[in-house]
Amino acid sequence: MEKVYTVRIANMELSLYSSETEEYTQSIARDVDERIKEIIGDNLSVSVVNAALLVAMDYCDEVNKLKEGAENMRTQLKSYMDETNRALAERDDARRLADKLKDELMNIKLDRKD
């Protein structure tokens, strides 16, 4: 359920809808505010809008890198699962062969006794 929260970013109050908790929403707002303040720093020639755009670019870059990392992990996991399935199939083949050879050995031993 979405709720309306008021947050303060770059000395501006913003009302926004969020399905997240107020604590989480305020935490995100504080993070954005801190990043804007870091960019502006002592350089008063950087506008809040420019700083906000740089923060947005930074967040997009971070999200894209995280997505790429997640995709790499999914690919690696799929590869590990494929290798595991191949190894299990080989193990099953080896067990069947061992059982077959064990049966043949038993038959040979029984034939020698006769």
PDB file of N, CA and C in Angstrom:
ATOM      1  N   MET A   1       0.840  -1.168   0.000  1.00  0.00           N
ATOM      2  CA  MET A   1       0.000   0.000   0.000  1.00  0.00           C
ATOM      3  C   MET A   1       0.895   1.243   0.000  1.00  0.00           C
ATOM      4  N   GLU A   2       0.653   2.126  -0.918  1.00  0.00           N
ATOM      5  CA  GLU A   2       1.458   3.334  -1.002  1.00  0.00           C
ATOM      6  C   GLU A   2       0.998   4.363   0.025  1.00  0.00           C
ATOM      7  N   LYS A   3       1.992   5.045   0.578  1.00  0.00           N
ATOM      8  CA  LYS A   3       1.717   6.114   1.532  1.00  0.00           C
ATOM      9  C   LYS A   3       2.431   7.368   1.045  1.00  0.00           C
ATOM     10  N   VAL A   4       2.008   8.491   1.548  1.00  0.00           N
ATOM     11  CA  VAL A   4       2.639   9.756   1.197  1.00  0.00           C
ATOM     12  C   VAL A   4       3.620  10.115   2.307  1.00  0.00           C
ATOM     13  N   TYR A   5       4.849  10.405   1.920  1.00  0.00           N
ATOM     14  CA  TYR A   5       5.872  10.827   2.873  1.00  0.00           C
ATOM     15  C   TYR A   5       6.429  12.170   2.425  1.00  0.00           C
ATOM     16  N   THR A   6       6.871  12.940   3.394  1.00  0.00           N
ATOM     17  CA  THR A   6       7.545  14.194   3.091  1.00  0.00           C
ATOM     18  C   THR A   6       9.013  14.009   3.430  1.00  0.00           C
ATOM     19  N   VAL A   7       9.868  14.282   2.453  1.00  0.00           N
ATOM     20  CA  VAL A   7      11.309  14.163   2.653  1.00  0.00           C
ATOM     21  C   VAL A   7      11.949  15.515   2.356  1.00  0.00           C
ATOM     22  N   ARG A   8      13.162  15.682   2.843  1.00  0.00           N
ATOM     23  CA  ARG A   8      13.886  16.924   2.600  1.00  0.00           C
ATOM     24  C   ARG A   8      15.184  16.583   1.886  1.00  0.00           C
ATOM     25  N   ILE A   9      15.305  17.111   0.662  1.00  0.00           N
ATOM     26  CA  ILE A   9      16.507  16.903  -0.147  1.00  0.00           C
ATOM     27  C   ILE A   9      16.948  18.262  -0.679  1.00  0.00           C
ATOM     28  N   ALA A  10      18.203  18.589  -0.452  1.00  0.00           N
ATOM     29  CA  ALA A  10      18.782  19.855  -0.930  1.00  0.00           C
ATOM     30  C   ALA A  10      17.936  21.045  -0.476  1.00  0.00           C
ATOM     31  N   ASN A  11      17.584  21.027   0.804  1.00  0.00           N
ATOM     32  CA  ASN A  11      16.795  22.108   1.410  1.00  0.00           C
ATOM     33  C   ASN A  11      15.437  22.311   0.764  1.00  0.00           C
ATOM     34  N   MET A  12      14.923  21.276   0.110  1.00  0.00           N
ATOM     35  CA  MET A  12      13.582  21.354  -0.477  1.00  0.00           C
ATOM     36  C   MET A  12      12.752  20.210   0.087  1.00  0.00           C
ATOM     37  N   GLU A  13      11.535  20.541   0.489  1.00  0.00           N
ATOM     38  CA  GLU A  13      10.634  19.499   0.957  1.00  0.00           C
ATOM     39  C   GLU A  13       9.888  18.919  -0.232  1.00  0.00           C
ATOM     40  N   LEU A  14       9.861  17.595  -0.275  1.00  0.00           N
ATOM     41  CA  LEU A  14       9.182  16.886  -1.359  1.00  0.00           C
ATOM     42  C   LEU A  14       8.188  15.909  -0.750  1.00  0.00           C
ATOM     43  N   SER A  15       7.002  15.874  -1.295  1.00  0.00           N
ATOM     44  CA  SER A  15       6.024  14.863  -0.899  1.00  0.00           C
ATOM     45  C   SER A  15       6.035  13.797  -1.975  1.00  0.00           C
ATOM     46  N   LEU A  16       6.128  12.553  -1.534  1.00  0.00           N
ATOM     47  CA  LEU A  16       6.160  11.473  -2.518  1.00  0.00           C
ATOM     48  C   LEU A  16       5.404  10.262  -2.016  1.00  0.00           C
ATOM     49  N   TYR A  17       4.958   9.473  -2.978  1.00  0.00           N
ATOM     50  CA  TYR A  17       4.274   8.217  -2.688  1.00  0.00           C
ATOM     51  C   TYR A  17       5.311   7.105  -2.680  1.00  0.00           C
ATOM     52  N   SER A  18       5.157   6.207  -1.705  1.00  0.00           N
ATOM     53  CA  SER A  18       6.065   5.070  -1.653  1.00  0.00           C
ATOM     54  C   SER A  18       5.363   3.890  -1.001  1.00  0.00           C
ATOM     55  N   SER A  19       5.663   2.706  -1.504  1.00  0.00           N
ATOM     56  CA  SER A  19       5.138   1.492  -0.874  1.00  0.00           C
ATOM     57  C   SER A  19       6.126   0.983   0.177  1.00  0.00           C
ATOM     58  N   GLU A  20       7.255   1.651   0.298  1.00  0.00           N
ATOM     59  CA  GLU A  20       8.259   1.284   1.299  1.00  0.00           C
ATOM     60  C   GLU A  20       7.901   1.915   2.646  1.00  0.00           C
ATOM     61  N   THR A  21       8.648   1.517   3.673  1.00  0.00           N
ATOM     62  CA  THR A  21       8.413   2.111   4.991  1.00  0.00           C
ATOM     63  C   THR A  21       8.923   3.545   5.012  1.00  0.00           C
ATOM     64  N   GLU A  22       8.447   4.286   5.974  1.00  0.00           N
ATOM     65  CA  GLU A  22       8.916   5.672   6.099  1.00  0.00           C
ATOM     66  C   GLU A  22      10.409   5.708   6.420  1.00  0.00           C
ATOM     67  N   GLU A  23      10.876   4.795   7.257  1.00  0.00           N
ATOM     68  CA  GLU A  23      12.295   4.763   7.613  1.00  0.00           C
ATOM     69  C   GLU A  23      13.152   4.548   6.366  1.00  0.00           C
ATOM     70  N   TYR A  24      12.746   3.611   5.536  1.00  0.00           N
ATOM     71  CA  TYR A  24      13.497   3.333   4.311  1.00  0.00           C
ATOM     72  C   TYR A  24      13.473   4.546   3.375  1.00  0.00           C
ATOM     73  N   THR A  25      12.307   5.131   3.198  1.00  0.00           N
ATOM     74  CA  THR A  25      12.159   6.287   2.311  1.00  0.00           C
ATOM     75  C   THR A  25      13.007   7.453   2.796  1.00  0.00           C
ATOM     76  N   GLN A  26      12.976   7.708   4.098  1.00  0.00           N
ATOM     77  CA  GLN A  26      13.787   8.796   4.654  1.00  0.00           C
ATOM     78  C   GLN A  26      15.278   8.492   4.503  1.00  0.00           C
ATOM     79  N   SER A  27      15.645   7.231   4.644  1.00  0.00           N
ATOM     80  CA  SER A  27      17.049   6.838   4.488  1.00  0.00           C
ATOM     81  C   SER A  27      17.538   7.107   3.070  1.00  0.00           C
ATOM     82  N   ILE A  28      16.723   6.777   2.079  1.00  0.00           N
ATOM     83  CA  ILE A  28      17.083   7.035   0.681  1.00  0.00           C
ATOM     84  C   ILE A  28      17.199   8.534   0.450  1.00  0.00           C
ATOM     85  N   ALA A  29      16.257   9.296   0.991  1.00  0.00           N
ATOM     86  CA  ALA A  29      16.289  10.754   0.831  1.00  0.00           C
ATOM     87  C   ALA A  29      17.558  11.333   1.456  1.00  0.00           C
ATOM     88  N   ARG A  30      17.933  10.834   2.634  1.00  0.00           N
ATOM     89  CA  ARG A  30      19.168  11.312   3.277  1.00  0.00           C
ATOM     90  C   ARG A  30      20.389  10.997   2.425  1.00  0.00           C
ATOM     91  N   ASP A  31      20.404   9.807   1.838  1.00  0.00           N
ATOM     92  CA  ASP A  31      21.526   9.419   0.989  1.00  0.00           C
ATOM     93  C   ASP A  31      21.643  10.353  -0.219  1.00  0.00           C
ATOM     94  N   VAL A  32      20.525  10.618  -0.879  1.00  0.00           N
ATOM     95  CA  VAL A  32      20.521  11.532  -2.028  1.00  0.00           C
ATOM     96  C   VAL A  32      20.969  12.920  -1.580  1.00  0.00           C
ATOM     97  N   ASP A  33      20.447  13.386  -0.462  1.00  0.00           N
ATOM     98  CA  ASP A  33      20.805  14.706   0.060  1.00  0.00           C
ATOM     99  C   ASP A  33      22.304  14.792   0.341  1.00  0.00           C
ATOM    100  N   GLU A  34      22.855  13.756   0.971  1.00  0.00           N
ATOM    101  CA  GLU A  34      24.291  13.745   1.273  1.00  0.00           C
ATOM    102  C   GLU A  34      25.133  13.765  -0.003  1.00  0.00           C
ATOM    103  N   ARG A  35      24.713  12.997  -1.000  1.00  0.00           N
ATOM    104  CA  ARG A  35      25.467  12.973  -2.256  1.00  0.00           C
ATOM    105  C   ARG A  35      25.420  14.330  -2.957  1.00  0.00           C
ATOM    106  N   ILE A  36      24.273  14.978  -2.924  1.00  0.00           N
ATOM    107  CA  ILE A  36      24.170  16.313  -3.528  1.00  0.00           C
ATOM    108  C   ILE A  36      25.091  17.274  -2.791  1.00  0.00           C
ATOM    109  N   LYS A  37      25.066  17.235  -1.453  1.00  0.00           N
ATOM    110  CA  LYS A  37      25.922  18.122  -0.659  1.00  0.00           C
ATOM    111  C   LYS A  37      27.405  17.862  -0.938  1.00  0.00           C
ATOM    112  N   GLU A  38      27.785  16.586  -1.117  1.00  0.00           N
ATOM    113  CA  GLU A  38      29.175  16.258  -1.434  1.00  0.00           C
ATOM    114  C   GLU A  38      29.597  16.878  -2.767  1.00  0.00           C
ATOM    115  N   ILE A  39      28.716  16.817  -3.739  1.00  0.00           N
ATOM    116  CA  ILE A  39      29.040  17.364  -5.062  1.00  0.00           C
ATOM    117  C   ILE A  39      29.141  18.882  -5.013  1.00  0.00           C
ATOM    118  N   ILE A  40      28.192  19.492  -4.336  1.00  0.00           N
ATOM    119  CA  ILE A  40      28.219  20.952  -4.259  1.00  0.00           C
ATOM    120  C   ILE A  40      29.404  21.405  -3.409  1.00  0.00           C
ATOM    121  N   GLY A  41      29.581  20.759  -2.266  1.00  0.00           N
ATOM    122  CA  GLY A  41      30.700  21.087  -1.384  1.00  0.00           C
ATOM    123  C   GLY A  41      30.846  22.580  -1.175  1.00  0.00           C
ATOM    124  N   ASP A  42      32.057  23.070  -1.345  1.00  0.00           N
ATOM    125  CA  ASP A  42      32.327  24.496  -1.204  1.00  0.00           C
ATOM    126  C   ASP A  42      32.178  25.223  -2.531  1.00  0.00           C
ATOM    127  N   ASN A  43      31.884  24.468  -3.596  1.00  0.00           N
ATOM    128  CA  ASN A  43      31.793  25.053  -4.932  1.00  0.00           C
ATOM    129  C   ASN A  43      30.366  25.556  -5.159  1.00  0.00           C
ATOM    130  N   LEU A  44      30.154  26.812  -4.880  1.00  0.00           N
ATOM    131  CA  LEU A  44      28.810  27.380  -4.993  1.00  0.00           C
ATOM    132  C   LEU A  44      28.370  27.568  -6.439  1.00  0.00           C
ATOM    133  N   SER A  45      29.278  27.384  -7.386  1.00  0.00           N
ATOM    134  CA  SER A  45      28.895  27.554  -8.789  1.00  0.00           C
ATOM    135  C   SER A  45      28.141  26.338  -9.325  1.00  0.00           C
ATOM    136  N   VAL A  46      28.154  25.237  -8.582  1.00  0.00           N
ATOM    137  CA  VAL A  46      27.409  24.041  -8.980  1.00  0.00           C
ATOM    138  C   VAL A  46      25.977  24.186  -8.464  1.00  0.00           C
ATOM    139  N   SER A  47      25.035  24.144  -9.369  1.00  0.00           N
ATOM    140  CA  SER A  47      23.633  24.291  -8.962  1.00  0.00           C
ATOM    141  C   SER A  47      23.111  22.979  -8.390  1.00  0.00           C
ATOM    142  N   VAL A  48      22.027  23.090  -7.651  1.00  0.00           N
ATOM    143  CA  VAL A  48      21.377  21.910  -7.086  1.00  0.00           C
ATOM    144  C   VAL A  48      20.914  20.992  -8.215  1.00  0.00           C
ATOM    145  N   VAL A  49      20.402  21.582  -9.282  1.00  0.00           N
ATOM    146  CA  VAL A  49      19.939  20.780 -10.416  1.00  0.00           C
ATOM    147  C   VAL A  49      21.101  19.996 -11.018  1.00  0.00           C
ATOM    148  N   ASN A  50      22.228  20.659 -11.242  1.00  0.00           N
ATOM    149  CA  ASN A  50      23.398  19.954 -11.798  1.00  0.00           C
ATOM    150  C   ASN A  50      23.876  18.860 -10.850  1.00  0.00           C
ATOM    151  N   ALA A  51      23.910  19.176  -9.565  1.00  0.00           N
ATOM    152  CA  ALA A  51      24.329  18.173  -8.584  1.00  0.00           C
ATOM    153  C   ALA A  51      23.361  16.996  -8.587  1.00  0.00           C
ATOM    154  N   ALA A  52      22.053  17.272  -8.662  1.00  0.00           N
ATOM    155  CA  ALA A  52      21.052  16.198  -8.683  1.00  0.00           C
ATOM    156  C   ALA A  52      21.209  15.333  -9.928  1.00  0.00           C
ATOM    157  N   LEU A  53      21.516  15.965 -11.066  1.00  0.00           N
ATOM    158  CA  LEU A  53      21.733  15.193 -12.294  1.00  0.00           C
ATOM    159  C   LEU A  53      22.964  14.301 -12.165  1.00  0.00           C
ATOM    160  N   LEU A  54      24.015  14.825 -11.546  1.00  0.00           N
ATOM    161  CA  LEU A  54      25.219  14.005 -11.336  1.00  0.00           C
ATOM    162  C   LEU A  54      24.940  12.839 -10.394  1.00  0.00           C
ATOM    163  N   VAL A  55      24.146  13.094  -9.372  1.00  0.00           N
ATOM    164  CA  VAL A  55      23.759  12.016  -8.449  1.00  0.00           C
ATOM    165  C   VAL A  55      22.939  10.967  -9.199  1.00  0.00           C
ATOM    166  N   ALA A  56      22.008  11.419 -10.040  1.00  0.00           N
ATOM    167  CA  ALA A  56      21.196  10.481 -10.828  1.00  0.00           C
ATOM    168  C   ALA A  56      22.086   9.647 -11.748  1.00  0.00           C
ATOM    169  N   MET A  57      23.053  10.299 -12.394  1.00  0.00           N
ATOM    170  CA  MET A  57      23.988   9.567 -13.265  1.00  0.00           C
ATOM    171  C   MET A  57      24.772   8.536 -12.457  1.00  0.00           C
ATOM    172  N   ASP A  58      25.222   8.931 -11.271  1.00  0.00           N
ATOM    173  CA  ASP A  58      25.989   8.031 -10.419  1.00  0.00           C
ATOM    174  C   ASP A  58      25.147   6.821 -10.010  1.00  0.00           C
ATOM    175  N   TYR A  59      23.882   7.079  -9.613  1.00  0.00           N
ATOM    176  CA  TYR A  59      23.001   5.975  -9.245  1.00  0.00           C
ATOM    177  C   TYR A  59      22.730   5.058 -10.436  1.00  0.00           C
ATOM    178  N   CYS A  60      22.495   5.631 -11.606  1.00  0.00           N
ATOM    179  CA  CYS A  60      22.252   4.806 -12.801  1.00  0.00           C
ATOM    180  C   CYS A  60      23.469   3.956 -13.127  1.00  0.00           C
ATOM    181  N   ASP A  61      24.647   4.539 -13.008  1.00  0.00           N
ATOM    182  CA  ASP A  61      25.884   3.798 -13.242  1.00  0.00           C
ATOM    183  C   ASP A  61      25.991   2.631 -12.261  1.00  0.00           C
ATOM    184  N   GLU A  62      25.703   2.910 -10.996  1.00  0.00           N
ATOM    185  CA  GLU A  62      25.767   1.873  -9.972  1.00  0.00           C
ATOM    186  C   GLU A  62      24.768   0.753 -10.247  1.00  0.00           C
ATOM    187  N   VAL A  63      23.538   1.121 -10.611  1.00  0.00           N
ATOM    188  CA  VAL A  63      22.501   0.127 -10.903  1.00  0.00           C
ATOM    189  C   VAL A  63      22.910  -0.726 -12.102  1.00  0.00           C
ATOM    190  N   ASN A  64      23.412  -0.087 -13.154  1.00  0.00           N
ATOM    191  CA  ASN A  64      23.827  -0.836 -14.339  1.00  0.00           C
ATOM    192  C   ASN A  64      24.948  -1.807 -14.026  1.00  0.00           C
ATOM    193  N   LYS A  65      25.912  -1.380 -13.223  1.00  0.00           N
ATOM    194  CA  LYS A  65      27.015  -2.275 -12.846  1.00  0.00           C
ATOM    195  C   LYS A  65      26.522  -3.423 -11.984  1.00  0.00           C
ATOM    196  N   LEU A  66      25.579  -3.137 -11.091  1.00  0.00           N
ATOM    197  CA  LEU A  66      25.013  -4.205 -10.264  1.00  0.00           C
ATOM    198  C   LEU A  66      24.224  -5.200 -11.112  1.00  0.00           C
ATOM    199  N   LYS A  67      23.464  -4.690 -12.081  1.00  0.00           N
ATOM    200  CA  LYS A  67      22.730  -5.576 -12.988  1.00  0.00           C
ATOM    201  C   LYS A  67      23.689  -6.459 -13.775  1.00  0.00           C
ATOM    202  N   GLU A  68      24.760  -5.848 -14.270  1.00  0.00           N
ATOM    203  CA  GLU A  68      25.755  -6.612 -15.030  1.00  0.00           C
ATOM    204  C   GLU A  68      26.388  -7.684 -14.146  1.00  0.00           C
ATOM    205  N   GLY A  69      26.708  -7.308 -12.904  1.00  0.00           N
ATOM    206  CA  GLY A  69      27.272  -8.280 -11.970  1.00  0.00           C
ATOM    207  C   GLY A  69      26.300  -9.407 -11.675  1.00  0.00           C
ATOM    208  N   ALA A  70      25.028  -9.062 -11.504  1.00  0.00           N
ATOM    209  CA  ALA A  70      24.014 -10.084 -11.236  1.00  0.00           C
ATOM    210  C   ALA A  70      23.867 -11.016 -12.440  1.00  0.00           C
ATOM    211  N   GLU A  71      23.902 -10.456 -13.641  1.00  0.00           N
ATOM    212  CA  GLU A  71      23.796 -11.283 -14.846  1.00  0.00           C
ATOM    213  C   GLU A  71      25.001 -12.215 -14.963  1.00  0.00           C
ATOM    214  N   ASN A  72      26.191 -11.701 -14.653  1.00  0.00           N
ATOM    215  CA  ASN A  72      27.392 -12.540 -14.671  1.00  0.00           C
ATOM    216  C   ASN A  72      27.271 -13.674 -13.658  1.00  0.00           C
ATOM    217  N   MET A  73      26.720 -13.355 -12.491  1.00  0.00           N
ATOM    218  CA  MET A  73      26.550 -14.392 -11.473  1.00  0.00           C
ATOM    219  C   MET A  73      25.530 -15.431 -11.924  1.00  0.00           C
ATOM    220  N   ARG A  74      24.422 -14.987 -12.569  1.00  0.00           N
ATOM    221  CA  ARG A  74      23.429 -15.941 -13.081  1.00  0.00           C
ATOM    222  C   ARG A  74      24.054 -16.856 -14.141  1.00  0.00           C
ATOM    223  N   THR A  75      24.853 -16.267 -15.022  1.00  0.00           N
ATOM    224  CA  THR A  75      25.512 -17.052 -16.067  1.00  0.00           C
ATOM    225  C   THR A  75      26.461 -18.069 -15.447  1.00  0.00           C
ATOM    226  N   GLN A  76      27.242 -17.629 -14.466  1.00  0.00           N
ATOM    227  CA  GLN A  76      28.184 -18.535 -13.795  1.00  0.00           C
ATOM    228  C   GLN A  76      27.441 -19.635 -13.052  1.00  0.00           C
ATOM    229  N   LEU A  77      26.346 -19.283 -12.393  1.00  0.00           N
ATOM    230  CA  LEU A  77      25.553 -20.271 -11.671  1.00  0.00           C
ATOM    231  C   LEU A  77      24.971 -21.304 -12.628  1.00  0.00           C
ATOM    232  N   LYS A  78      24.470 -20.841 -13.785  1.00  0.00           N
ATOM    233  CA  LYS A  78      23.946 -21.771 -14.782  1.00  0.00           C
ATOM    234  C   LYS A  78      25.040 -22.720 -15.255  1.00  0.00           C
ATOM    235  N   SER A  79      26.232 -22.179 -15.470  1.00  0.00           N
ATOM    236  CA  SER A  79      27.353 -23.009 -15.888  1.00  0.00           C
ATOM    237  C   SER A  79      27.674 -24.062 -14.823  1.00  0.00           C
ATOM    238  N   TYR A  80      27.693 -23.648 -13.546  1.00  0.00           N
ATOM    239  CA  TYR A  80      27.954 -24.598 -12.455  1.00  0.00           C
ATOM    240  C   TYR A  80      26.872 -25.672 -12.402  1.00  0.00           C
ATOM    241  N   MET A  81      25.618 -25.258 -12.604  1.00  0.00           N
ATOM    242  CA  MET A  81      24.524 -26.238 -12.567  1.00  0.00           C
ATOM    243  C   MET A  81      24.631 -27.217 -13.732  1.00  0.00           C
ATOM    244  N   ASP A  82      24.994 -26.711 -14.917  1.00  0.00           N
ATOM    245  CA  ASP A  82      25.174 -27.599 -16.071  1.00  0.00           C
ATOM    246  C   ASP A  82      26.300 -28.593 -15.812  1.00  0.00           C
ATOM    247  N   GLU A  83      27.416 -28.100 -15.239  1.00  0.00           N
ATOM    248  CA  GLU A  83      28.540 -28.984 -14.912  1.00  0.00           C
ATOM    249  C   GLU A  83      28.125 -30.030 -13.877  1.00  0.00           C
ATOM    250  N   THR A  84      27.355 -29.611 -12.893  1.00  0.00           N
ATOM    251  CA  THR A  84      26.883 -30.529 -11.857  1.00  0.00           C
ATOM    252  C   THR A  84      25.988 -31.604 -12.462  1.00  0.00           C
ATOM    253  N   ASN A  85      25.074 -31.200 -13.347  1.00  0.00           N
ATOM    254  CA  ASN A  85      24.191 -32.178 -13.998  1.00  0.00           C
ATOM    255  C   ASN A  85      24.973 -33.162 -14.844  1.00  0.00           C
ATOM    256  N   ARG A  86      25.998 -32.659 -15.557  1.00  0.00           N
ATOM    257  CA  ARG A  86      26.839 -33.568 -16.349  1.00  0.00           C
ATOM    258  C   ARG A  86      27.571 -34.551 -15.437  1.00  0.00           C
ATOM    259  N   ALA A  87      28.106 -34.039 -14.320  1.00  0.00           N
ATOM    260  CA  ALA A  87      28.823 -34.909 -13.383  1.00  0.00           C
ATOM    261  C   ALA A  87      27.885 -35.949 -12.775  1.00  0.00           C
ATOM    262  N   LEU A  88      26.662 -35.554 -12.460  1.00  0.00           N
ATOM    263  CA  LEU A  88      25.697 -36.517 -11.910  1.00  0.00           C
ATOM    264  C   LEU A  88      25.341 -37.582 -12.937  1.00  0.00           C
ATOM    265  N   ALA A  89      25.188 -37.178 -14.180  1.00  0.00           N
ATOM    266  CA  ALA A  89      24.889 -38.148 -15.240  1.00  0.00           C
ATOM    267  C   ALA A  89      26.055 -39.118 -15.410  1.00  0.00           C
ATOM    268  N   GLU A  90      27.274 -38.602 -15.375  1.00  0.00           N
ATOM    269  CA  GLU A  90      28.465 -39.472 -15.485  1.00  0.00           C
ATOM    270  C   GLU A  90      28.537 -40.421 -14.299  1.00  0.00           C
ATOM    271  N   ARG A  91      28.217 -39.913 -13.106  1.00  0.00           N
ATOM    272  CA  ARG A  91      28.218 -40.766 -11.921  1.00  0.00           C
ATOM    273  C   ARG A  91      27.200 -41.889 -12.071  1.00  0.00           C
ATOM    274  N   ASP A  92      26.008 -41.549 -12.554  1.00  0.00           N
ATOM    275  CA  ASP A  92      24.971 -42.563 -12.732  1.00  0.00           C
ATOM    276  C   ASP A  92      25.400 -43.606 -13.764  1.00  0.00           C
ATOM    277  N   ASP A  93      26.021 -43.139 -14.861  1.00  0.00           N
ATOM    278  CA  ASP A  93      26.531 -44.073 -15.869  1.00  0.00           C
ATOM    279  C   ASP A  93      27.589 -44.990 -15.266  1.00  0.00           C
ATOM    280  N   ALA A  94      28.475 -44.417 -14.458  1.00  0.00           N
ATOM    281  CA  ALA A  94      29.540 -45.207 -13.835  1.00  0.00           C
ATOM    282  C   ALA A  94      28.956 -46.230 -12.860  1.00  0.00           C
ATOM    283  N   ARG A  95      27.933 -45.853 -12.115  1.00  0.00           N
ATOM    284  CA  ARG A  95      27.292 -46.798 -11.188  1.00  0.00           C
ATOM    285  C   ARG A  95      26.636 -47.947 -11.946  1.00  0.00           C
ATOM    286  N   ARG A  96      25.956 -47.607 -13.068  1.00  0.00           N
ATOM    287  CA  ARG A  96      25.332 -48.673 -13.863  1.00  0.00           C
ATOM    288  C   ARG A  96      26.392 -49.624 -14.416  1.00  0.00           C
ATOM    289  N   LEU A  97      27.487 -49.059 -14.892  1.00  0.00           N
ATOM    290  CA  LEU A  97      28.567 -49.890 -15.424  1.00  0.00           C
ATOM    291  C   LEU A  97      29.166 -50.750 -14.318  1.00  0.00           C
ATOM    292  N   ALA A  98      29.364 -50.168 -13.131  1.00  0.00           N
ATOM    293  CA  ALA A  98      29.924 -50.931 -12.008  1.00  0.00           C
ATOM    294  C   ALA A  98      28.991 -52.072 -11.628  1.00  0.00           C
ATOM    295  N   ASP A  99      27.692 -51.799 -11.609  1.00  0.00           N
ATOM    296  CA  ASP A  99      26.722 -52.861 -11.291  1.00  0.00           C
ATOM    297  C   ASP A  99      26.759 -53.963 -12.344  1.00  0.00           C
ATOM    298  N   LYS A 100      26.854 -53.563 -13.601  1.00  0.00           N
ATOM    299  CA  LYS A 100      26.912 -54.540 -14.691  1.00  0.00           C
ATOM    300  C   LYS A 100      28.173 -55.401 -14.568  1.00  0.00           C
ATOM    301  N   LEU A 101      29.307 -54.747 -14.308  1.00  0.00           N
ATOM    302  CA  LEU A 101      30.563 -55.492 -14.168  1.00  0.00           C
ATOM    303  C   LEU A 101      30.538 -56.406 -12.947  1.00  0.00           C
ATOM    304  N   LYS A 102      29.912 -55.951 -11.876  1.00  0.00           N
ATOM    305  CA  LYS A 102      29.791 -56.766 -10.669  1.00  0.00           C
ATOM    306  C   LYS A 102      28.970 -58.012 -10.967  1.00  0.00           C
ATOM    307  N   ASP A 103      27.867 -57.833 -11.726  1.00  0.00           N
ATOM    308  CA  ASP A 103      27.043 -58.976 -12.104  1.00  0.00           C
ATOM    309  C   ASP A 103      27.824 -59.946 -12.984  1.00  0.00           C
ATOM    310  N   GLU A 104      28.586 -59.407 -13.945  1.00  0.00           N
ATOM    311  CA  GLU A 104      29.386 -60.264 -14.827  1.00  0.00           C
ATOM    312  C   GLU A 104      30.424 -61.034 -14.025  1.00  0.00           C
ATOM    313  N   LEU A 105      31.044 -60.365 -13.058  1.00  0.00           N
ATOM    314  CA  LEU A 105      32.045 -61.029 -12.224  1.00  0.00           C
ATOM    315  C   LEU A 105      31.401 -62.145 -11.404  1.00  0.00           C
ATOM    316  N   MET A 106      30.232 -61.881 -10.861  1.00  0.00           N
ATOM    317  CA  MET A 106      29.526 -62.914 -10.099  1.00  0.00           C
ATOM    318  C   MET A 106      29.193 -64.111 -10.992  1.00  0.00           C
ATOM    319  N   ASN A 107      28.755 -63.847 -12.228  1.00  0.00           N
ATOM    320  CA  ASN A 107      28.442 -64.932 -13.154  1.00  0.00           C
ATOM    321  C   ASN A 107      29.688 -65.740 -13.494  1.00  0.00           C
ATOM    322  N   ILE A 108      30.814 -65.075 -13.685  1.00  0.00           N
ATOM    323  CA  ILE A 108      32.071 -65.774 -13.978  1.00  0.00           C
ATOM    324  C   ILE A 108      32.451 -66.657 -12.797  1.00  0.00           C
ATOM    325  N   LYS A 109      32.336 -66.123 -11.583  1.00  0.00           N
ATOM    326  CA  LYS A 109      32.680 -66.908 -10.389  1.00  0.00           C
ATOM    327  C   LYS A 109      31.748 -68.121 -10.251  1.00  0.00           C
ATOM    328  N   LEU A 110      30.464 -67.914 -10.562  1.00  0.00           N
ATOM    329  CA  LEU A 110      29.519 -69.028 -10.475  1.00  0.00           C
ATOM    330  C   LEU A 110      29.821 -70.088 -11.547  1.00  0.00           C
ATOM    331  N   ASP A 111      30.207 -69.612 -12.750  1.00  0.00           N
ATOM    332  CA  ASP A 111      30.555 -70.568 -13.817  1.00  0.00           C
ATOM    333  C   ASP A 111      31.769 -71.386 -13.450  1.00  0.00           C
ATOM    334  N   ARG A 112      32.738 -70.814 -12.769  1.00  0.00           N
ATOM    335  CA  ARG A 112      33.961 -71.530 -12.385  1.00  0.00           C
ATOM    336  C   ARG A 112      33.670 -72.598 -11.321  1.00  0.00           C
ATOM    337  N   LYS A 113      32.697 -72.356 -10.476  1.00  0.00           N
ATOM    338  CA  LYS A 113      32.342 -73.299  -9.427  1.00  0.00           C
ATOM    339  C   LYS A 113      31.672 -74.539  -9.999  1.00  0.00           C
ATOM    340  N   ASP A 114      31.023 -74.367 -11.126  1.00  0.00           N
ATOM    341  CA  ASP A 114      30.286 -75.494 -11.732  1.00  0.00           C
ATOM    342  C   ASP A 114      31.223 -76.423 -12.392  1.00  0.00           C
TER     343      ASP A 114
END
